Amino acid sequence: MNDWPDGWTDDNRSGNRYGQGSASERPESARSMPHVQRRPAPPQQRPAPPRQRPVPQQPSGYDDGNPQYDSGYNTGQVYGGGRGAGHGGDGGDRGYVQGRPGPAPDWRRRIKIGALVLVVVLLAVSVGTYFWADSKLNRAVDLSKVIERPEAGKGTNYLIVGSDSREGMTSEDKKRLHTGSADGKRTDSMMILHTGDNGPTLVSLPRDSNVEIPSFVGSESGKKYPATGRTTKLNAAYATDGPELLVRTVEFNTGLHIDHYVEIGFGGFAKIVDAIGGVELDIPKAFKDKWSGADFPAGKQTLDGQQALAFVRTRHAFTSDLDRTKNQQKFLAALASQTATFSTIINPFKLYPTMGAGLDTLIVDKDMSLWSLGKMFFAMKGVTGGDGTSMNMPIAGNVGGNLAWDKAKVKQLVEQLKNDEKVTVTEN
């Protein structure tokens, strides 16, 4: 039985072209197909060449020139070769197929994502700061205890009080700030700040103002005390029953509704000034006061906490308490102007110490929000910037050593504030 393909004989296998024939069923030898060797590249320029697929050998007697049979191995193709390999070209990529480059970065998308992350972080910090600051407010004054209140008008009215409270101060603090060691606390300064559509108006109420103490309900006892018709200095109302009676007395004697109450003591005032790095002030005339520790030359200068407190407390260097209230207005407006600034707000190393120092020592009413408190400071800044008016309560003379208000002018001033009109009343 012949296992060779049809048409093949021993004669076909006896030629020199394919070697000697054999009776064995296995061909005597096999011819190696020629293949093209890839041109080696320097080892440092490409990775190790890929492993070559072995070239199968054909059995003897197969004629690759036979058009009836295609072995598939006589094309000269090198597997894994690059462009031009085995065709006499320049080598192309020398058999190494590089990966297709990835897409270019989408910078617009990255910028949008970055901006979104920044907004979220800023929002989170702002919300966290708001709630932190809001939690530090000491809402100890309950204006709902104030009886027989006048109707509220347009705009917002703040009663701002500086007390001589020494709470939280050490012996060294009291000595350095020249505060003394008196027990309790009294009002050292009082102002009404009105905010509305016609700019802020700051009206100082001299502590020696002659006022009538009206009927009131005790803030602690809840007992109602009838009016006796007695008149006394305005700061006596605070000494008698605290902030609630002071608000009641101011409303009764002016007819103006007080919306919010803000109080700060000696220690807190000095801390705020030091936290912002001092307050620059132009003092027109030099003065001294051994009682408050004041000793100021004339001209522009930066006051630290101790100096600022001495400046606003000085009484003995002036002939009238009205001069003292003007100094207080001037300083508080300068303090607000230099605190409520963009550079302070965006600088956490300045913002948080300032807020911490101020909020820890402020006493406000129960309905005071952080937003309302911020509006108050910016309104104070407006007074300094020339957008508002600052004045003393109009005075008509003296009664028993106390300052008597000009009732006609006070009535006109209150009506203008109630209606949120531009203030035209003058203090003299």
Foldseek 3Di string as FASTA:
>chain_A
DDPDDPPDDLVLQPDPVQDHADPDPAAPDWDDADAADFDDDPCVPDPDADDFDDDDTDGGNDDCVPPVDHPPRHPRDGPLADPPPRPPDPCVVRSDDDDDDDDDDPVVVVVVVVVVVVVVVVVVVVVVVQVVLQVLAAAPAALVQQPPFFDFFAFAKEKEFEKADCPPPDPVRCVLLLSDDDPDMWTLWIWIWTDDDQAIEIATEQQLAKFFQAWGQAPPPRHIDHGPRDIGGLRVQCVVHHDNSSQNRVCVRQVHGHDKYKYFYLQLQLQLQVLQPFFKDAAQAFWADPNRGEGDHGGIDTDHSSNLSSQLNDDVRDPDSQVSNVSVLRVLLRSLLSCPDPVQVVDCSRVVSNSVSNSNGMYMHPPDHPVNVNVVSVSSPRCVVVSYYYAYQAFDQDDPNGTYGPVVLSNVQSVCSSHVHHDPRHND
